[in-house]
PDB file of N, CA and C in Angstrom:
ATOM      1  N   MET A   1     109.145  87.350 100.520  1.00  0.00           N
ATOM      2  CA  MET A   1     110.176  88.305 100.173  1.00  0.00           C
ATOM      3  C   MET A   1     108.890  89.288  98.954  1.00  0.00           C
ATOM      4  N   SER A   2     109.041  90.574  98.651  1.00  0.00           N
ATOM      5  CA  SER A   2     108.494  91.130  97.789  1.00  0.00           C
ATOM      6  C   SER A   2     109.345  91.176  96.579  1.00  0.00           C
ATOM      7  N   ARG A   3     109.411  91.772  95.431  1.00  0.00           N
ATOM      8  CA  ARG A   3     109.834  91.715  94.239  1.00  0.00           C
ATOM      9  C   ARG A   3     111.189  92.312  94.893  1.00  0.00           C
ATOM     10  N   ARG A   4     111.006  93.490  95.546  1.00  0.00           N
ATOM     11  CA  ARG A   4     112.220  94.403  95.683  1.00  0.00           C
ATOM     12  C   ARG A   4     113.035  93.782  96.619  1.00  0.00           C
ATOM     13  N   GLY A   5     112.886  92.566  97.119  1.00  0.00           N
ATOM     14  CA  GLY A   5     113.409  92.005  98.240  1.00  0.00           C
ATOM     15  C   GLY A   5     113.350  92.316  99.586  1.00  0.00           C
ATOM     16  N   GLU A   6     112.126  93.024  99.753  1.00  0.00           N
ATOM     17  CA  GLU A   6     112.146  93.419 101.372  1.00  0.00           C
ATOM     18  C   GLU A   6     111.039  92.380 101.849  1.00  0.00           C
ATOM     19  N   ARG A   7     111.022  92.199 102.970  1.00  0.00           N
ATOM     20  CA  ARG A   7     110.017  91.505 103.963  1.00  0.00           C
ATOM     21  C   ARG A   7     108.573  91.960 103.702  1.00  0.00           C
ATOM     22  N   LEU A   8     107.480  91.183 103.600  1.00  0.00           N
ATOM     23  CA  LEU A   8     106.228  91.712 103.566  1.00  0.00           C
ATOM     24  C   LEU A   8     105.535  92.414 104.918  1.00  0.00           C
ATOM     25  N   ILE A   9     106.128  91.471 105.785  1.00  0.00           N
ATOM     26  CA  ILE A   9     105.679  92.236 107.173  1.00  0.00           C
ATOM     27  C   ILE A   9     106.502  92.274 108.238  1.00  0.00           C
ATOM     28  N   TRP A  10     106.253  93.789 108.414  1.00  0.00           N
ATOM     29  CA  TRP A  10     107.379  94.559 109.510  1.00  0.00           C
ATOM     30  C   TRP A  10     106.933  94.857 110.657  1.00  0.00           C
ATOM     31  N   SER A  11     108.050  95.012 111.690  1.00  0.00           N
ATOM     32  CA  SER A  11     107.798  95.003 112.987  1.00  0.00           C
ATOM     33  C   SER A  11     106.888  96.528 113.062  1.00  0.00           C
ATOM     34  N   PRO A  12     106.494  96.554 114.147  1.00  0.00           N
ATOM     35  CA  PRO A  12     105.840  98.138 114.627  1.00  0.00           C
ATOM     36  C   PRO A  12     107.018  98.919 114.718  1.00  0.00           C
ATOM     37  N   ARG A  13     108.110  98.831 114.914  1.00  0.00           N
ATOM     38  CA  ARG A  13     109.402  99.913 114.910  1.00  0.00           C
ATOM     39  C   ARG A  13     109.482 100.126 113.406  1.00  0.00           C
ATOM     40  N   GLU A  14     109.909  99.297 112.387  1.00  0.00           N
ATOM     41  CA  GLU A  14     109.832  99.346 111.322  1.00  0.00           C
ATOM     42  C   GLU A  14     109.160 100.102 110.633  1.00  0.00           C
ATOM     43  N   VAL A  15     107.579  99.942 110.922  1.00  0.00           N
ATOM     44  CA  VAL A  15     106.389 101.021 110.304  1.00  0.00           C
ATOM     45  C   VAL A  15     106.690 101.912 110.825  1.00  0.00           C
ATOM     46  N   ILE A  16     106.718 102.401 111.862  1.00  0.00           N
ATOM     47  CA  ILE A  16     106.987 104.141 112.671  1.00  0.00           C
ATOM     48  C   ILE A  16     108.248 104.541 111.583  1.00  0.00           C
ATOM     49  N   ASN A  17     109.311 103.730 111.724  1.00  0.00           N
ATOM     50  CA  ASN A  17     110.371 104.569 110.938  1.00  0.00           C
ATOM     51  C   ASN A  17     110.075 104.867 109.298  1.00  0.00           C
ATOM     52  N   ARG A  18     109.520 104.131 109.057  1.00  0.00           N
ATOM     53  CA  ARG A  18     109.422 104.013 107.419  1.00  0.00           C
ATOM     54  C   ARG A  18     107.894 105.127 107.126  1.00  0.00           C
ATOM     55  N   VAL A  19     107.138 105.484 108.169  1.00  0.00           N
ATOM     56  CA  VAL A  19     106.292 106.438 108.198  1.00  0.00           C
ATOM     57  C   VAL A  19     107.188 107.906 108.441  1.00  0.00           C
ATOM     58  N   ILE A  20     107.881 107.820 109.312  1.00  0.00           N
ATOM     59  CA  ILE A  20     108.717 108.996 109.808  1.00  0.00           C
ATOM     60  C   ILE A  20     109.636 109.468 108.467  1.00  0.00           C
ATOM     61  N   HIS A  21     110.176 108.663 108.101  1.00  0.00           N
ATOM     62  CA  HIS A  21     111.369 109.160 107.080  1.00  0.00           C
ATOM     63  C   HIS A  21     110.651 108.922 105.726  1.00  0.00           C
ATOM     64  N   SER A  22     109.536 108.483 105.821  1.00  0.00           N
ATOM     65  CA  SER A  22     108.946 108.505 104.159  1.00  0.00           C
ATOM     66  C   SER A  22     109.226 107.691 103.090  1.00  0.00           C
ATOM     67  N   TYR A  23     109.709 106.435 103.487  1.00  0.00           N
ATOM     68  CA  TYR A  23     110.456 105.560 102.389  1.00  0.00           C
ATOM     69  C   TYR A  23     109.616 105.056 101.369  1.00  0.00           C
ATOM     70  N   PRO A  24     109.862 104.561 100.252  1.00  0.00           N
ATOM     71  CA  PRO A  24     108.617 104.487  99.062  1.00  0.00           C
ATOM     72  C   PRO A  24     107.787 103.595  99.461  1.00  0.00           C
ATOM     73  N   PRO A  25     107.496 102.478  99.979  1.00  0.00           N
ATOM     74  CA  PRO A  25     106.122 102.049 100.449  1.00  0.00           C
ATOM     75  C   PRO A  25     105.188 103.125 100.471  1.00  0.00           C
ATOM     76  N   TYR A  26     105.549 103.945 101.575  1.00  0.00           N
ATOM     77  CA  TYR A  26     104.160 104.939 101.890  1.00  0.00           C
ATOM     78  C   TYR A  26     104.406 106.316 101.097  1.00  0.00           C
ATOM     79  N   GLY A  27     105.354 106.702 100.337  1.00  0.00           N
ATOM     80  CA  GLY A  27     105.001 107.944  99.904  1.00  0.00           C
ATOM     81  C   GLY A  27     105.468 109.201 100.588  1.00  0.00           C
ATOM     82  N   ASP A  28     104.764 110.210 100.410  1.00  0.00           N
ATOM     83  CA  ASP A  28     105.053 111.052 100.950  1.00  0.00           C
ATOM     84  C   ASP A  28     104.572 111.276 102.320  1.00  0.00           C
ATOM     85  N   THR A  29     104.743 112.387 102.893  1.00  0.00           N
ATOM     86  CA  THR A  29     104.094 112.826 104.513  1.00  0.00           C
ATOM     87  C   THR A  29     102.507 112.965 104.420  1.00  0.00           C
ATOM     88  N   ARG A  30     102.025 113.738 103.514  1.00  0.00           N
ATOM     89  CA  ARG A  30     100.367 113.804 103.195  1.00  0.00           C
ATOM     90  C   ARG A  30      99.889 112.620 102.880  1.00  0.00           C
ATOM     91  N   GLU A  31     100.453 111.863 102.139  1.00  0.00           N
ATOM     92  CA  GLU A  31     100.052 110.217 101.922  1.00  0.00           C
ATOM     93  C   GLU A  31      99.599 109.647 103.067  1.00  0.00           C
ATOM     94  N   VAL A  32     100.533 109.371 104.086  1.00  0.00           N
ATOM     95  CA  VAL A  32     100.869 108.873 105.165  1.00  0.00           C
ATOM     96  C   VAL A  32      99.698 109.657 106.036  1.00  0.00           C
ATOM     97  N   TYR A  33      99.508 110.753 105.944  1.00  0.00           N
ATOM     98  CA  TYR A  33      97.979 111.066 106.850  1.00  0.00           C
ATOM     99  C   TYR A  33      97.077 111.017 106.358  1.00  0.00           C
ATOM    100  N   MET A  34      97.051 111.043 104.996  1.00  0.00           N
ATOM    101  CA  MET A  34      95.558 110.876 104.465  1.00  0.00           C
ATOM    102  C   MET A  34      95.128 109.276 104.435  1.00  0.00           C
ATOM    103  N   THR A  35      95.997 108.222 104.569  1.00  0.00           N
ATOM    104  CA  THR A  35      95.945 107.038 104.844  1.00  0.00           C
ATOM    105  C   THR A  35      95.245 106.808 106.393  1.00  0.00           C
ATOM    106  N   ALA A  36      96.109 107.339 107.144  1.00  0.00           N
ATOM    107  CA  ALA A  36      95.670 107.270 108.442  1.00  0.00           C
ATOM    108  C   ALA A  36      94.213 107.768 108.970  1.00  0.00           C
ATOM    109  N   LEU A  37      93.656 108.807 107.925  1.00  0.00           N
ATOM    110  CA  LEU A  37      92.394 109.625 108.259  1.00  0.00           C
ATOM    111  C   LEU A  37      91.544 108.659 107.267  1.00  0.00           C
ATOM    112  N   GLU A  38      91.718 108.084 106.477  1.00  0.00           N
ATOM    113  CA  GLU A  38      90.986 107.127 106.039  1.00  0.00           C
ATOM    114  C   GLU A  38      90.701 105.849 106.547  1.00  0.00           C
ATOM    115  N   ILE A  39      91.529 105.337 107.630  1.00  0.00           N
ATOM    116  CA  ILE A  39      91.400 104.107 108.307  1.00  0.00           C
ATOM    117  C   ILE A  39      90.849 104.786 109.397  1.00  0.00           C
ATOM    118  N   PHE A  40      91.241 105.432 110.025  1.00  0.00           N
ATOM    119  CA  PHE A  40      90.012 106.376 111.481  1.00  0.00           C
ATOM    120  C   PHE A  40      88.697 106.448 111.016  1.00  0.00           C
ATOM    121  N   PHE A  41      88.527 107.483 109.997  1.00  0.00           N
ATOM    122  CA  PHE A  41      86.970 107.483 109.637  1.00  0.00           C
ATOM    123  C   PHE A  41      86.589 106.292 109.133  1.00  0.00           C
ATOM    124  N   GLY A  42      87.096 105.108 108.366  1.00  0.00           N
ATOM    125  CA  GLY A  42      86.662 103.857 107.969  1.00  0.00           C
ATOM    126  C   GLY A  42      86.172 103.066 109.358  1.00  0.00           C
ATOM    127  N   VAL A  43      86.886 102.967 110.322  1.00  0.00           N
ATOM    128  CA  VAL A  43      86.696 102.244 111.785  1.00  0.00           C
ATOM    129  C   VAL A  43      85.337 103.024 112.340  1.00  0.00           C
ATOM    130  N   ILE A  44      85.499 104.533 112.494  1.00  0.00           N
ATOM    131  CA  ILE A  44      83.983 104.967 112.645  1.00  0.00           C
ATOM    132  C   ILE A  44      82.832 104.998 112.289  1.00  0.00           C
ATOM    133  N   PHE A  45      82.864 105.018 110.782  1.00  0.00           N
ATOM    134  CA  PHE A  45      81.850 104.464 110.206  1.00  0.00           C
ATOM    135  C   PHE A  45      81.074 103.157 110.428  1.00  0.00           C
ATOM    136  N   CYS A  46      82.077 102.320 110.512  1.00  0.00           N
ATOM    137  CA  CYS A  46      81.717 100.773 110.699  1.00  0.00           C
ATOM    138  C   CYS A  46      81.231 100.510 112.045  1.00  0.00           C
ATOM    139  N   LEU A  47      81.787 101.428 112.812  1.00  0.00           N
ATOM    140  CA  LEU A  47      81.232 101.239 114.379  1.00  0.00           C
ATOM    141  C   LEU A  47      79.724 101.767 114.472  1.00  0.00           C
ATOM    142  N   GLY A  48      79.803 102.678 113.914  1.00  0.00           N
ATOM    143  CA  GLY A  48      78.384 103.534 114.011  1.00  0.00           C
ATOM    144  C   GLY A  48      77.370 102.470 112.908  1.00  0.00           C
ATOM    145  N   ALA A  49      77.627 101.796 112.124  1.00  0.00           N
ATOM    146  CA  ALA A  49      76.873 101.003 110.987  1.00  0.00           C
ATOM    147  C   ALA A  49      76.345  99.814 112.207  1.00  0.00           C
ATOM    148  N   PHE A  50      77.340  99.402 112.761  1.00  0.00           N
ATOM    149  CA  PHE A  50      76.950  98.325 113.529  1.00  0.00           C
ATOM    150  C   PHE A  50      75.975  98.873 114.576  1.00  0.00           C
ATOM    151  N   PHE A  51      76.490  99.783 115.269  1.00  0.00           N
ATOM    152  CA  PHE A  51      75.455 100.355 116.549  1.00  0.00           C
ATOM    153  C   PHE A  51      74.110 100.428 115.571  1.00  0.00           C
ATOM    154  N   PHE A  52      73.958 101.196 114.771  1.00  0.00           N
ATOM    155  CA  PHE A  52      72.654 101.444 113.981  1.00  0.00           C
ATOM    156  C   PHE A  52      71.846 100.317 113.512  1.00  0.00           C
ATOM    157  N   MET A  53      72.780  98.750 113.318  1.00  0.00           N
ATOM    158  CA  MET A  53      72.191  97.661 113.170  1.00  0.00           C
ATOM    159  C   MET A  53      71.591  96.938 114.413  1.00  0.00           C
ATOM    160  N   TYR A  54      72.311  97.083 115.258  1.00  0.00           N
ATOM    161  CA  TYR A  54      71.960  96.400 116.389  1.00  0.00           C
ATOM    162  C   TYR A  54      70.942  96.960 116.933  1.00  0.00           C
ATOM    163  N   MET A  55      70.984  98.379 116.931  1.00  0.00           N
ATOM    164  CA  MET A  55      69.756  98.910 117.954  1.00  0.00           C
ATOM    165  C   MET A  55      68.431  98.871 116.849  1.00  0.00           C
ATOM    166  N   THR A  56      68.378  98.672 115.615  1.00  0.00           N
ATOM    167  CA  THR A  56      67.297  98.311 114.734  1.00  0.00           C
ATOM    168  C   THR A  56      66.947  96.797 115.109  1.00  0.00           C
ATOM    169  N   SER A  57      67.822  96.133 115.068  1.00  0.00           N
ATOM    170  CA  SER A  57      67.117  94.389 115.704  1.00  0.00           C
ATOM    171  C   SER A  57      66.674  94.673 116.832  1.00  0.00           C
ATOM    172  N   HIS A  58      67.170  95.295 117.923  1.00  0.00           N
ATOM    173  CA  HIS A  58      66.847  95.294 119.219  1.00  0.00           C
ATOM    174  C   HIS A  58      65.338  95.880 119.112  1.00  0.00           C
ATOM    175  N   ILE A  59      65.125  96.682 118.175  1.00  0.00           N
ATOM    176  CA  ILE A  59      63.707  97.446 118.523  1.00  0.00           C
ATOM    177  C   ILE A  59      62.828  96.583 117.941  1.00  0.00           C
ATOM    178  N   GLN A  60      63.009  95.613 116.818  1.00  0.00           N
ATOM    179  CA  GLN A  60      62.353  95.140 116.100  1.00  0.00           C
ATOM    180  C   GLN A  60      62.060  93.696 116.933  1.00  0.00           C
ATOM    181  N   ARG A  61      63.009  93.548 118.203  1.00  0.00           N
ATOM    182  CA  ARG A  61      62.570  92.055 118.738  1.00  0.00           C
ATOM    183  C   ARG A  61      61.716  92.697 119.804  1.00  0.00           C
ATOM    184  N   GLU A  62      61.748  93.853 120.508  1.00  0.00           N
ATOM    185  CA  GLU A  62      61.180  94.427 121.486  1.00  0.00           C
ATOM    186  C   GLU A  62      59.613  94.619 120.907  1.00  0.00           C
ATOM    187  N   GLN A  63      59.239  94.796 119.540  1.00  0.00           N
ATOM    188  CA  GLN A  63      57.901  95.232 118.831  1.00  0.00           C
ATOM    189  C   GLN A  63      57.604  94.094 118.982  1.00  0.00           C
ATOM    190  N   ARG A  64      58.107  92.559 117.972  1.00  0.00           N
ATOM    191  CA  ARG A  64      57.634  91.119 118.021  1.00  0.00           C
ATOM    192  C   ARG A  64      57.261  90.727 119.473  1.00  0.00           C
ATOM    193  N   LYS A  65      57.861  91.036 120.587  1.00  0.00           N
ATOM    194  CA  LYS A  65      57.595  90.264 121.907  1.00  0.00           C
ATOM    195  C   LYS A  65      56.635  91.170 122.646  1.00  0.00           C
ATOM    196  N   GLY A  66      56.400  92.489 121.951  1.00  0.00           N
ATOM    197  CA  GLY A  66      55.428  93.581 123.041  1.00  0.00           C
ATOM    198  C   GLY A  66      55.689  93.825 124.160  1.00  0.00           C
ATOM    199  N   GLU A  67      57.320  93.664 124.629  1.00  0.00           N
ATOM    200  CA  GLU A  67      57.477  94.245 125.713  1.00  0.00           C
ATOM    201  C   GLU A  67      58.860  94.550 125.923  1.00  0.00           C
ATOM    202  N   TYR A  68      59.342  95.317 127.060  1.00  0.00           N
ATOM    203  CA  TYR A  68      60.621  96.063 126.981  1.00  0.00           C
ATOM    204  C   TYR A  68      61.877  95.302 127.475  1.00  0.00           C
ATOM    205  N   ILE A  69      62.783  95.364 126.319  1.00  0.00           N
ATOM    206  CA  ILE A  69      64.045  94.205 126.701  1.00  0.00           C
ATOM    207  C   ILE A  69      65.146  95.467 126.686  1.00  0.00           C
ATOM    208  N   PRO A  70      65.466  95.214 128.069  1.00  0.00           N
ATOM    209  CA  PRO A  70      66.893  96.054 128.090  1.00  0.00           C
ATOM    210  C   PRO A  70      67.953  95.607 127.336  1.00  0.00           C
ATOM    211  N   THR A  71      69.076  96.708 126.930  1.00  0.00           N
ATOM    212  CA  THR A  71      69.824  96.778 125.922  1.00  0.00           C
ATOM    213  C   THR A  71      70.761  96.086 127.238  1.00  0.00           C
ATOM    214  N   PHE A  72      72.179  95.557 126.178  1.00  0.00           N
ATOM    215  CA  PHE A  72      73.526  94.924 127.324  1.00  0.00           C
ATOM    216  C   PHE A  72      73.924  96.396 128.532  1.00  0.00           C
ATOM    217  N   TRP A  73      74.047  97.495 127.983  1.00  0.00           N
ATOM    218  CA  TRP A  73      74.436  98.553 128.904  1.00  0.00           C
ATOM    219  C   TRP A  73      73.537  98.757 129.932  1.00  0.00           C
ATOM    220  N   GLU A  74      72.215  98.610 129.815  1.00  0.00           N
ATOM    221  CA  GLU A  74      71.290  98.539 130.724  1.00  0.00           C
ATOM    222  C   GLU A  74      70.925  97.479 132.095  1.00  0.00           C
ATOM    223  N   LYS A  75      71.319  96.254 131.456  1.00  0.00           N
ATOM    224  CA  LYS A  75      71.512  95.235 132.777  1.00  0.00           C
ATOM    225  C   LYS A  75      72.280  95.734 133.818  1.00  0.00           C
ATOM    226  N   LYS A  76      71.790  94.736 134.943  1.00  0.00           N
ATOM    227  CA  LYS A  76      72.249  95.163 136.061  1.00  0.00           C
ATOM    228  C   LYS A  76      73.103  93.902 136.717  1.00  0.00           C
TER     229      LYS A  76
END
């Protein structure tokens, strides 16, 4: 229980209702949209960073071995 007496973990239905009705934990609708955008772009950024790291590692491994190594999507 939080200090306000609310549960700390909500069901998906409770989260949706709180977002729609803008209850105090979420603030106004603009804040909800901005938080959703931050999460969305954060996930996209992390996926891009992971892909960049993977390809850098793959290219280094190819250069070290001196031969072509297919990536996981090129294997048959």
